[in-house]
């Protein structure tokens, strides 16, 4: 048997072995992974980013994939921001909308 055939046979055996394994039950998965943390916006944000003249950030801040997920209630609707940098961008956008509206009205 040449080397290429041996490698292919080895990969095939590993694939068959992995397919033969049983899937973990939902109970096993629940015990394996820890819950994602939630933070309080009032504890992780400076006051100027927590609320402003035209917006307020929701108090509960869930996390996903290592990023904070903010919900921002504003005079112009609800915005979502995934991560701290995106929160700053959204706040600047909300302030820009407010400024634009004040100029045009």
PDB file of N, CA and C in Angstrom:
ATOM      1  N   UNK A   1       0.862  -1.156   0.000  1.00  0.00           N
ATOM      2  CA  UNK A   1       0.000   0.000   0.000  1.00  0.00           C
ATOM      3  C   UNK A   1       0.915   1.227   0.000  1.00  0.00           C
ATOM      4  N   UNK A   2       0.643   2.141  -0.932  1.00  0.00           N
ATOM      5  CA  UNK A   2       1.493   3.336  -0.977  1.00  0.00           C
ATOM      6  C   UNK A   2       1.069   4.338   0.093  1.00  0.00           C
ATOM      7  N   UNK A   3       1.861   5.361   0.262  1.00  0.00           N
ATOM      8  CA  UNK A   3       1.635   6.324   1.340  1.00  0.00           C
ATOM      9  C   UNK A   3       0.305   7.063   1.168  1.00  0.00           C
ATOM     10  N   UNK A   4      -0.062   7.466  -0.035  1.00  0.00           N
ATOM     11  CA  UNK A   4      -1.315   8.170  -0.286  1.00  0.00           C
ATOM     12  C   UNK A   4      -2.498   7.293   0.085  1.00  0.00           C
ATOM     13  N   UNK A   5      -2.461   6.031  -0.272  1.00  0.00           N
ATOM     14  CA  UNK A   5      -3.544   5.116   0.089  1.00  0.00           C
ATOM     15  C   UNK A   5      -3.657   4.978   1.608  1.00  0.00           C
ATOM     16  N   UNK A   6      -2.548   4.929   2.302  1.00  0.00           N
ATOM     17  CA  UNK A   6      -2.560   4.808   3.754  1.00  0.00           C
ATOM     18  C   UNK A   6      -3.175   6.056   4.399  1.00  0.00           C
ATOM     19  N   UNK A   7      -2.850   7.219   3.854  1.00  0.00           N
ATOM     20  CA  UNK A   7      -3.416   8.466   4.386  1.00  0.00           C
ATOM     21  C   UNK A   7      -4.921   8.505   4.153  1.00  0.00           C
ATOM     22  N   UNK A   8      -5.340   8.144   2.942  1.00  0.00           N
ATOM     23  CA  UNK A   8      -6.777   8.138   2.625  1.00  0.00           C
ATOM     24  C   UNK A   8      -7.506   7.147   3.515  1.00  0.00           C
ATOM     25  N   UNK A   9      -6.955   5.971   3.702  1.00  0.00           N
ATOM     26  CA  UNK A   9      -7.573   4.961   4.554  1.00  0.00           C
ATOM     27  C   UNK A   9      -7.663   5.457   5.999  1.00  0.00           C
ATOM     28  N   UNK A  10      -6.620   6.123   6.469  1.00  0.00           N
ATOM     29  CA  UNK A  10      -6.616   6.661   7.828  1.00  0.00           C
ATOM     30  C   UNK A  10      -7.692   7.734   7.997  1.00  0.00           C
ATOM     31  N   UNK A  11      -7.808   8.635   7.028  1.00  0.00           N
ATOM     32  CA  UNK A  11      -8.842   9.677   7.078  1.00  0.00           C
ATOM     33  C   UNK A  11     -10.241   9.082   7.021  1.00  0.00           C
ATOM     34  N   UNK A  12     -10.422   8.077   6.195  1.00  0.00           N
ATOM     35  CA  UNK A  12     -11.719   7.414   6.076  1.00  0.00           C
ATOM     36  C   UNK A  12     -12.099   6.740   7.394  1.00  0.00           C
ATOM     37  N   UNK A  13     -11.152   6.102   8.029  1.00  0.00           N
ATOM     38  CA  UNK A  13     -11.420   5.437   9.311  1.00  0.00           C
ATOM     39  C   UNK A  13     -11.785   6.466  10.381  1.00  0.00           C
ATOM     40  N   UNK A  14     -11.092   7.603  10.400  1.00  0.00           N
ATOM     41  CA  UNK A  14     -11.389   8.645  11.382  1.00  0.00           C
ATOM     42  C   UNK A  14     -12.770   9.225  11.147  1.00  0.00           C
ATOM     43  N   UNK A  15     -13.140   9.397   9.878  1.00  0.00           N
ATOM     44  CA  UNK A  15     -14.464   9.927   9.552  1.00  0.00           C
ATOM     45  C   UNK A  15     -15.549   8.957   9.979  1.00  0.00           C
ATOM     46  N   UNK A  16     -15.382   7.696   9.695  1.00  0.00           N
ATOM     47  CA  UNK A  16     -16.375   6.689  10.079  1.00  0.00           C
ATOM     48  C   UNK A  16     -16.494   6.636  11.599  1.00  0.00           C
ATOM     49  N   UNK A  17     -15.356   6.703  12.301  1.00  0.00           N
ATOM     50  CA  UNK A  17     -15.387   6.673  13.762  1.00  0.00           C
ATOM     51  C   UNK A  17     -16.155   7.877  14.311  1.00  0.00           C
ATOM     52  N   UNK A  18     -15.920   9.063  13.751  1.00  0.00           N
ATOM     53  CA  UNK A  18     -16.600  10.258  14.262  1.00  0.00           C
ATOM     54  C   UNK A  18     -18.090  10.210  13.961  1.00  0.00           C
ATOM     55  N   UNK A  19     -18.485   9.612  12.846  1.00  0.00           N
ATOM     56  CA  UNK A  19     -19.904   9.484  12.522  1.00  0.00           C
ATOM     57  C   UNK A  19     -20.599   8.480  13.433  1.00  0.00           C
ATOM     58  N   UNK A  20     -19.839   7.539  13.958  1.00  0.00           N
ATOM     59  CA  UNK A  20     -20.422   6.513  14.821  1.00  0.00           C
ATOM     60  C   UNK A  20     -20.668   7.016  16.231  1.00  0.00           C
ATOM     61  N   UNK A  21     -20.087   8.123  16.598  1.00  0.00           N
ATOM     62  CA  UNK A  21     -20.278   8.646  17.945  1.00  0.00           C
ATOM     63  C   UNK A  21     -21.674   9.235  18.082  1.00  0.00           C
ATOM     64  N   UNK A  22     -22.207   9.115  19.275  1.00  0.00           N
ATOM     65  CA  UNK A  22     -23.542   9.657  19.509  1.00  0.00           C
ATOM     66  C   UNK A  22     -23.457  11.144  19.791  1.00  0.00           C
ATOM     67  N   UNK A  23     -24.512  11.846  19.466  1.00  0.00           N
ATOM     68  CA  UNK A  23     -24.602  13.279  19.750  1.00  0.00           C
ATOM     69  C   UNK A  23     -24.872  13.468  21.240  1.00  0.00           C
ATOM     70  N   UNK A  24     -24.318  14.511  21.833  1.00  0.00           N
ATOM     71  CA  UNK A  24     -24.616  14.758  23.244  1.00  0.00           C
ATOM     72  C   UNK A  24     -26.072  15.180  23.405  1.00  0.00           C
ATOM     73  N   UNK A  25     -26.657  14.800  24.501  1.00  0.00           N
ATOM     74  CA  UNK A  25     -28.043  15.173  24.753  1.00  0.00           C
ATOM     75  C   UNK A  25     -28.095  16.644  25.141  1.00  0.00           C
ATOM     76  N   UNK A  26     -29.273  17.289  25.018  1.00  0.00           N
ATOM     77  CA  UNK A  26     -29.390  18.686  25.443  1.00  0.00           C
ATOM     78  C   UNK A  26     -29.002  18.888  26.912  1.00  0.00           C
ATOM     79  N   UNK A  27     -29.232  17.874  27.743  1.00  0.00           N
ATOM     80  CA  UNK A  27     -28.842  17.983  29.144  1.00  0.00           C
ATOM     81  C   UNK A  27     -27.330  18.039  29.292  1.00  0.00           C
ATOM     82  N   UNK A  28     -26.625  17.236  28.480  1.00  0.00           N
ATOM     83  CA  UNK A  28     -25.161  17.274  28.528  1.00  0.00           C
ATOM     84  C   UNK A  28     -24.653  18.638  28.097  1.00  0.00           C
ATOM     85  N   UNK A  29     -25.240  19.187  27.045  1.00  0.00           N
ATOM     86  CA  UNK A  29     -24.819  20.495  26.549  1.00  0.00           C
ATOM     87  C   UNK A  29     -25.080  21.574  27.592  1.00  0.00           C
ATOM     88  N   UNK A  30     -26.210  21.496  28.277  1.00  0.00           N
ATOM     89  CA  UNK A  30     -26.544  22.486  29.298  1.00  0.00           C
ATOM     90  C   UNK A  30     -25.541  22.438  30.446  1.00  0.00           C
ATOM     91  N   UNK A  31     -25.026  21.263  30.742  1.00  0.00           N
ATOM     92  CA  UNK A  31     -24.065  21.131  31.834  1.00  0.00           C
ATOM     93  C   UNK A  31     -22.643  21.452  31.405  1.00  0.00           C
ATOM     94  N   UNK A  32     -22.388  21.455  30.102  1.00  0.00           N
ATOM     95  CA  UNK A  32     -21.051  21.666  29.583  1.00  0.00           C
ATOM     96  C   UNK A  32     -20.713  23.139  29.434  1.00  0.00           C
ATOM     97  N   UNK A  33     -21.667  23.951  29.016  1.00  0.00           N
ATOM     98  CA  UNK A  33     -21.404  25.349  28.710  1.00  0.00           C
ATOM     99  C   UNK A  33     -21.979  26.250  29.791  1.00  0.00           C
ATOM    100  N   UNK A  34     -21.223  27.262  30.132  1.00  0.00           N
ATOM    101  CA  UNK A  34     -21.749  28.206  31.109  1.00  0.00           C
ATOM    102  C   UNK A  34     -22.611  29.237  30.397  1.00  0.00           C
ATOM    103  N   UNK A  35     -23.537  29.811  31.135  1.00  0.00           N
ATOM    104  CA  UNK A  35     -24.420  30.813  30.555  1.00  0.00           C
ATOM    105  C   UNK A  35     -23.629  32.067  30.228  1.00  0.00           C
ATOM    106  N   UNK A  36     -24.069  32.740  29.165  1.00  0.00           N
ATOM    107  CA  UNK A  36     -23.429  33.991  28.796  1.00  0.00           C
ATOM    108  C   UNK A  36     -23.797  35.056  29.822  1.00  0.00           C
ATOM    109  N   UNK A  37     -22.849  35.889  30.199  1.00  0.00           N
ATOM    110  CA  UNK A  37     -23.144  36.884  31.227  1.00  0.00           C
ATOM    111  C   UNK A  37     -24.018  38.017  30.699  1.00  0.00           C
ATOM    112  N   UNK A  38     -24.723  38.629  31.612  1.00  0.00           N
ATOM    113  CA  UNK A  38     -25.455  39.857  31.335  1.00  0.00           C
ATOM    114  C   UNK A  38     -24.897  40.923  32.271  1.00  0.00           C
ATOM    115  N   UNK A  39     -24.815  42.131  31.766  1.00  0.00           N
ATOM    116  CA  UNK A  39     -24.317  43.239  32.558  1.00  0.00           C
ATOM    117  C   UNK A  39     -25.409  44.280  32.727  1.00  0.00           C
ATOM    118  N   UNK A  40     -25.162  45.219  33.622  1.00  0.00           N
ATOM    119  CA  UNK A  40     -26.046  46.365  33.788  1.00  0.00           C
ATOM    120  C   UNK A  40     -25.358  47.555  33.134  1.00  0.00           C
ATOM    121  N   UNK A  41     -26.081  48.212  32.239  1.00  0.00           N
ATOM    122  CA  UNK A  41     -25.502  49.349  31.526  1.00  0.00           C
ATOM    123  C   UNK A  41     -25.000  50.406  32.506  1.00  0.00           C
ATOM    124  N   UNK A  42     -25.742  50.616  33.587  1.00  0.00           N
ATOM    125  CA  UNK A  42     -25.355  51.642  34.562  1.00  0.00           C
ATOM    126  C   UNK A  42     -24.046  51.310  35.271  1.00  0.00           C
ATOM    127  N   UNK A  43     -23.623  50.054  35.220  1.00  0.00           N
ATOM    128  CA  UNK A  43     -22.379  49.646  35.872  1.00  0.00           C
ATOM    129  C   UNK A  43     -21.189  49.601  34.918  1.00  0.00           C
ATOM    130  N   UNK A  44     -21.457  49.537  33.604  1.00  0.00           N
ATOM    131  CA  UNK A  44     -20.341  49.398  32.655  1.00  0.00           C
ATOM    132  C   UNK A  44     -20.161  50.609  31.747  1.00  0.00           C
ATOM    133  N   UNK A  45     -21.105  51.552  31.764  1.00  0.00           N
ATOM    134  CA  UNK A  45     -21.001  52.722  30.896  1.00  0.00           C
ATOM    135  C   UNK A  45     -20.849  53.996  31.709  1.00  0.00           C
ATOM    136  N   UNK A  46     -20.119  54.936  31.159  1.00  0.00           N
ATOM    137  CA  UNK A  46     -20.061  56.262  31.767  1.00  0.00           C
ATOM    138  C   UNK A  46     -21.404  56.936  31.526  1.00  0.00           C
ATOM    139  N   UNK A  47     -21.804  57.852  32.393  1.00  0.00           N
ATOM    140  CA  UNK A  47     -23.131  58.477  32.304  1.00  0.00           C
ATOM    141  C   UNK A  47     -23.450  59.083  30.934  1.00  0.00           C
ATOM    142  N   UNK A  48     -22.465  59.690  30.274  1.00  0.00           N
ATOM    143  CA  UNK A  48     -22.733  60.317  28.972  1.00  0.00           C
ATOM    144  C   UNK A  48     -23.053  59.303  27.874  1.00  0.00           C
ATOM    145  N   UNK A  49     -22.698  58.038  28.088  1.00  0.00           N
ATOM    146  CA  UNK A  49     -23.025  57.004  27.115  1.00  0.00           C
ATOM    147  C   UNK A  49     -24.243  56.189  27.541  1.00  0.00           C
ATOM    148  N   UNK A  50     -24.655  56.358  28.764  1.00  0.00           N
ATOM    149  CA  UNK A  50     -25.822  55.654  29.285  1.00  0.00           C
ATOM    150  C   UNK A  50     -27.111  56.310  28.795  1.00  0.00           C
ATOM    151  N   UNK A  51     -27.114  57.639  28.800  1.00  0.00           N
ATOM    152  CA  UNK A  51     -28.279  58.344  28.294  1.00  0.00           C
ATOM    153  C   UNK A  51     -27.887  59.763  27.920  1.00  0.00           C
ATOM    154  N   UNK A  52     -28.610  60.278  26.927  1.00  0.00           N
ATOM    155  CA  UNK A  52     -28.370  61.641  26.471  1.00  0.00           C
ATOM    156  C   UNK A  52     -29.696  62.319  26.212  1.00  0.00           C
ATOM    157  N   UNK A  53     -29.630  63.469  25.574  1.00  0.00           N
ATOM    158  CA  UNK A  53     -30.842  64.240  25.309  1.00  0.00           C
ATOM    159  C   UNK A  53     -31.838  63.482  24.431  1.00  0.00           C
ATOM    160  N   UNK A  54     -31.326  62.649  23.509  1.00  0.00           N
ATOM    161  CA  UNK A  54     -32.200  61.988  22.533  1.00  0.00           C
ATOM    162  C   UNK A  54     -32.174  60.462  22.606  1.00  0.00           C
ATOM    163  N   UNK A  55     -31.508  59.893  23.621  1.00  0.00           N
ATOM    164  CA  UNK A  55     -31.408  58.430  23.688  1.00  0.00           C
ATOM    165  C   UNK A  55     -31.244  57.952  25.125  1.00  0.00           C
ATOM    166  N   UNK A  56     -31.529  56.669  25.307  1.00  0.00           N
ATOM    167  CA  UNK A  56     -31.269  55.988  26.576  1.00  0.00           C
ATOM    168  C   UNK A  56     -30.951  54.529  26.266  1.00  0.00           C
ATOM    169  N   UNK A  57     -29.883  54.022  26.856  1.00  0.00           N
ATOM    170  CA  UNK A  57     -29.469  52.635  26.661  1.00  0.00           C
ATOM    171  C   UNK A  57     -30.216  51.756  27.663  1.00  0.00           C
ATOM    172  N   UNK A  58     -30.728  50.621  27.198  1.00  0.00           N
ATOM    173  CA  UNK A  58     -31.433  49.677  28.076  1.00  0.00           C
ATOM    174  C   UNK A  58     -30.493  49.192  29.174  1.00  0.00           C
ATOM    175  N   UNK A  59     -31.027  49.010  30.369  1.00  0.00           N
ATOM    176  CA  UNK A  59     -30.217  48.631  31.534  1.00  0.00           C
ATOM    177  C   UNK A  59     -29.575  47.257  31.385  1.00  0.00           C
ATOM    178  N   UNK A  60     -30.320  46.277  30.884  1.00  0.00           N
ATOM    179  CA  UNK A  60     -29.773  44.921  30.753  1.00  0.00           C
ATOM    180  C   UNK A  60     -28.983  44.828  29.444  1.00  0.00           C
ATOM    181  N   UNK A  61     -27.725  44.383  29.560  1.00  0.00           N
ATOM    182  CA  UNK A  61     -26.830  44.265  28.407  1.00  0.00           C
ATOM    183  C   UNK A  61     -26.379  42.814  28.295  1.00  0.00           C
ATOM    184  N   UNK A  62     -27.035  42.031  27.423  1.00  0.00           N
ATOM    185  CA  UNK A  62     -26.579  40.651  27.218  1.00  0.00           C
ATOM    186  C   UNK A  62     -25.272  40.640  26.429  1.00  0.00           C
ATOM    187  N   UNK A  63     -24.605  39.509  26.443  1.00  0.00           N
ATOM    188  CA  UNK A  63     -23.380  39.357  25.663  1.00  0.00           C
ATOM    189  C   UNK A  63     -23.538  38.201  24.687  1.00  0.00           C
ATOM    190  N   UNK A  64     -22.777  38.262  23.609  1.00  0.00           N
ATOM    191  CA  UNK A  64     -22.773  37.182  22.628  1.00  0.00           C
ATOM    192  C   UNK A  64     -21.431  37.230  21.911  1.00  0.00           C
ATOM    193  N   UNK A  65     -20.760  36.115  21.825  1.00  0.00           N
ATOM    194  CA  UNK A  65     -19.454  36.017  21.170  1.00  0.00           C
ATOM    195  C   UNK A  65     -18.465  37.045  21.695  1.00  0.00           C
ATOM    196  N   UNK A  66     -18.514  37.304  22.982  1.00  0.00           N
ATOM    197  CA  UNK A  66     -17.561  38.214  23.596  1.00  0.00           C
ATOM    198  C   UNK A  66     -17.871  39.690  23.435  1.00  0.00           C
ATOM    199  N   UNK A  67     -19.040  40.012  22.883  1.00  0.00           N
ATOM    200  CA  UNK A  67     -19.391  41.423  22.675  1.00  0.00           C
ATOM    201  C   UNK A  67     -20.656  41.770  23.449  1.00  0.00           C
ATOM    202  N   UNK A  68     -20.682  42.964  23.989  1.00  0.00           N
ATOM    203  CA  UNK A  68     -21.896  43.468  24.626  1.00  0.00           C
ATOM    204  C   UNK A  68     -22.916  43.781  23.538  1.00  0.00           C
ATOM    205  N   UNK A  69     -24.186  43.498  23.814  1.00  0.00           N
ATOM    206  CA  UNK A  69     -25.263  43.787  22.853  1.00  0.00           C
ATOM    207  C   UNK A  69     -26.191  44.815  23.490  1.00  0.00           C
ATOM    208  N   UNK A  70     -26.092  46.033  22.998  1.00  0.00           N
ATOM    209  CA  UNK A  70     -26.846  47.140  23.560  1.00  0.00           C
ATOM    210  C   UNK A  70     -28.127  47.377  22.767  1.00  0.00           C
ATOM    211  N   UNK A  71     -29.168  47.781  23.481  1.00  0.00           N
ATOM    212  CA  UNK A  71     -30.411  48.233  22.873  1.00  0.00           C
ATOM    213  C   UNK A  71     -30.563  49.698  23.264  1.00  0.00           C
ATOM    214  N   UNK A  72     -30.770  50.546  22.273  1.00  0.00           N
ATOM    215  CA  UNK A  72     -30.805  51.990  22.495  1.00  0.00           C
ATOM    216  C   UNK A  72     -32.171  52.518  22.087  1.00  0.00           C
ATOM    217  N   UNK A  73     -32.901  53.047  23.042  1.00  0.00           N
ATOM    218  CA  UNK A  73     -34.197  53.661  22.766  1.00  0.00           C
ATOM    219  C   UNK A  73     -33.939  55.143  22.507  1.00  0.00           C
ATOM    220  N   UNK A  74     -34.390  55.620  21.354  1.00  0.00           N
ATOM    221  CA  UNK A  74     -34.130  57.012  21.008  1.00  0.00           C
ATOM    222  C   UNK A  74     -35.408  57.703  20.550  1.00  0.00           C
ATOM    223  N   UNK A  75     -35.305  59.010  20.371  1.00  0.00           N
ATOM    224  CA  UNK A  75     -36.422  59.778  19.825  1.00  0.00           C
ATOM    225  C   UNK A  75     -36.757  59.339  18.400  1.00  0.00           C
ATOM    226  N   UNK A  76     -35.875  58.583  17.776  1.00  0.00           N
ATOM    227  CA  UNK A  76     -36.022  58.206  16.376  1.00  0.00           C
ATOM    228  C   UNK A  76     -36.198  56.705  16.190  1.00  0.00           C
ATOM    229  N   UNK A  77     -36.501  55.999  17.264  1.00  0.00           N
ATOM    230  CA  UNK A  77     -36.708  54.556  17.191  1.00  0.00           C
ATOM    231  C   UNK A  77     -35.700  53.819  18.056  1.00  0.00           C
ATOM    232  N   UNK A  78     -35.790  52.505  18.002  1.00  0.00           N
ATOM    233  CA  UNK A  78     -34.895  51.649  18.785  1.00  0.00           C
ATOM    234  C   UNK A  78     -33.766  51.176  17.874  1.00  0.00           C
ATOM    235  N   UNK A  79     -32.551  51.285  18.379  1.00  0.00           N
ATOM    236  CA  UNK A  79     -31.374  50.852  17.640  1.00  0.00           C
ATOM    237  C   UNK A  79     -30.666  49.761  18.431  1.00  0.00           C
ATOM    238  N   UNK A  80     -29.987  48.877  17.735  1.00  0.00           N
ATOM    239  CA  UNK A  80     -29.183  47.830  18.352  1.00  0.00           C
ATOM    240  C   UNK A  80     -27.722  48.119  18.059  1.00  0.00           C
ATOM    241  N   UNK A  81     -26.870  47.785  18.994  1.00  0.00           N
ATOM    242  CA  UNK A  81     -25.429  47.957  18.802  1.00  0.00           C
ATOM    243  C   UNK A  81     -24.723  46.732  19.343  1.00  0.00           C
ATOM    244  N   UNK A  82     -23.962  46.092  18.495  1.00  0.00           N
ATOM    245  CA  UNK A  82     -23.207  44.915  18.908  1.00  0.00           C
ATOM    246  C   UNK A  82     -21.762  45.330  19.177  1.00  0.00           C
ATOM    247  N   UNK A  83     -21.454  45.482  20.433  1.00  0.00           N
ATOM    248  CA  UNK A  83     -20.116  45.895  20.831  1.00  0.00           C
ATOM    249  C   UNK A  83     -20.074  47.353  21.257  1.00  0.00           C
ATOM    250  N   UNK A  84     -19.058  47.673  22.056  1.00  0.00           N
ATOM    251  CA  UNK A  84     -18.922  49.017  22.597  1.00  0.00           C
ATOM    252  C   UNK A  84     -18.658  50.055  21.510  1.00  0.00           C
ATOM    253  N   UNK A  85     -17.828  49.705  20.539  1.00  0.00           N
ATOM    254  CA  UNK A  85     -17.526  50.632  19.451  1.00  0.00           C
ATOM    255  C   UNK A  85     -18.785  50.969  18.651  1.00  0.00           C
ATOM    256  N   UNK A  86     -19.612  49.958  18.393  1.00  0.00           N
ATOM    257  CA  UNK A  86     -20.849  50.197  17.655  1.00  0.00           C
ATOM    258  C   UNK A  86     -21.809  51.054  18.477  1.00  0.00           C
ATOM    259  N   UNK A  87     -21.798  50.904  19.800  1.00  0.00           N
ATOM    260  CA  UNK A  87     -22.630  51.754  20.648  1.00  0.00           C
ATOM    261  C   UNK A  87     -22.250  53.218  20.447  1.00  0.00           C
ATOM    262  N   UNK A  88     -20.959  53.516  20.471  1.00  0.00           N
ATOM    263  CA  UNK A  88     -20.516  54.899  20.264  1.00  0.00           C
ATOM    264  C   UNK A  88     -20.940  55.419  18.894  1.00  0.00           C
ATOM    265  N   UNK A  89     -20.841  54.571  17.886  1.00  0.00           N
ATOM    266  CA  UNK A  89     -21.278  54.955  16.533  1.00  0.00           C
ATOM    267  C   UNK A  89     -22.769  55.276  16.504  1.00  0.00           C
ATOM    268  N   UNK A  90     -23.568  54.412  17.130  1.00  0.00           N
ATOM    269  CA  UNK A  90     -25.026  54.619  17.148  1.00  0.00           C
ATOM    270  C   UNK A  90     -25.387  55.913  17.879  1.00  0.00           C
ATOM    271  N   UNK A  91     -24.719  56.185  19.006  1.00  0.00           N
ATOM    272  CA  UNK A  91     -24.986  57.420  19.742  1.00  0.00           C
ATOM    273  C   UNK A  91     -24.662  58.628  18.868  1.00  0.00           C
ATOM    274  N   UNK A  92     -23.527  58.577  18.168  1.00  0.00           N
ATOM    275  CA  UNK A  92     -23.172  59.678  17.257  1.00  0.00           C
ATOM    276  C   UNK A  92     -24.194  59.817  16.137  1.00  0.00           C
ATOM    277  N   UNK A  93     -24.686  58.703  15.621  1.00  0.00           N
ATOM    278  CA  UNK A  93     -25.706  58.758  14.563  1.00  0.00           C
ATOM    279  C   UNK A  93     -26.999  59.378  15.086  1.00  0.00           C
ATOM    280  N   UNK A  94     -27.409  58.999  16.284  1.00  0.00           N
ATOM    281  CA  UNK A  94     -28.632  59.553  16.879  1.00  0.00           C
ATOM    282  C   UNK A  94     -28.471  61.061  17.069  1.00  0.00           C
ATOM    283  N   UNK A  95     -27.321  61.483  17.562  1.00  0.00           N
ATOM    284  CA  UNK A  95     -27.077  62.916  17.734  1.00  0.00           C
ATOM    285  C   UNK A  95     -27.050  63.641  16.393  1.00  0.00           C
ATOM    286  N   UNK A  96     -26.520  63.001  15.370  1.00  0.00           N
ATOM    287  CA  UNK A  96     -26.499  63.606  14.032  1.00  0.00           C
ATOM    288  C   UNK A  96     -27.920  63.740  13.471  1.00  0.00           C
ATOM    289  N   UNK A  97     -28.749  62.731  13.683  1.00  0.00           N
ATOM    290  CA  UNK A  97     -30.149  62.809  13.238  1.00  0.00           C
ATOM    291  C   UNK A  97     -30.848  63.969  13.937  1.00  0.00           C
ATOM    292  N   UNK A  98     -30.629  64.091  15.240  1.00  0.00           N
ATOM    293  CA  UNK A  98     -31.254  65.181  16.008  1.00  0.00           C
ATOM    294  C   UNK A  98     -30.797  66.540  15.484  1.00  0.00           C
ATOM    295  N   UNK A  99     -29.511  66.678  15.219  1.00  0.00           N
ATOM    296  CA  UNK A  99     -28.980  67.942  14.704  1.00  0.00           C
ATOM    297  C   UNK A  99     -29.559  68.259  13.328  1.00  0.00           C
ATOM    298  N   UNK A 100     -29.625  67.267  12.469  1.00  0.00           N
ATOM    299  CA  UNK A 100     -30.180  67.451  11.127  1.00  0.00           C
ATOM    300  C   UNK A 100     -31.648  67.866  11.199  1.00  0.00           C
ATOM    301  N   UNK A 101     -32.388  67.223  12.066  1.00  0.00           N
ATOM    302  CA  UNK A 101     -33.814  67.575  12.210  1.00  0.00           C
ATOM    303  C   UNK A 101     -33.994  68.986  12.755  1.00  0.00           C
ATOM    304  N   UNK A 102     -33.104  69.401  13.669  1.00  0.00           N
ATOM    305  CA  UNK A 102     -33.235  70.755  14.227  1.00  0.00           C
ATOM    306  C   UNK A 102     -32.926  71.802  13.176  1.00  0.00           C
ATOM    307  N   UNK A 103     -32.040  71.499  12.241  1.00  0.00           N
ATOM    308  CA  UNK A 103     -31.702  72.434  11.190  1.00  0.00           C
ATOM    309  C   UNK A 103     -32.809  72.542  10.158  1.00  0.00           C
ATOM    310  N   UNK A 104     -33.430  71.391   9.829  1.00  0.00           N
ATOM    311  CA  UNK A 104     -34.443  71.373   8.765  1.00  0.00           C
ATOM    312  C   UNK A 104     -35.838  71.729   9.241  1.00  0.00           C
ATOM    313  N   UNK A 105     -36.054  71.791  10.537  1.00  0.00           N
ATOM    314  CA  UNK A 105     -37.402  72.105  11.040  1.00  0.00           C
ATOM    315  C   UNK A 105     -37.459  73.446  11.673  1.00  0.00           C
TER     316      UNK A 105
END
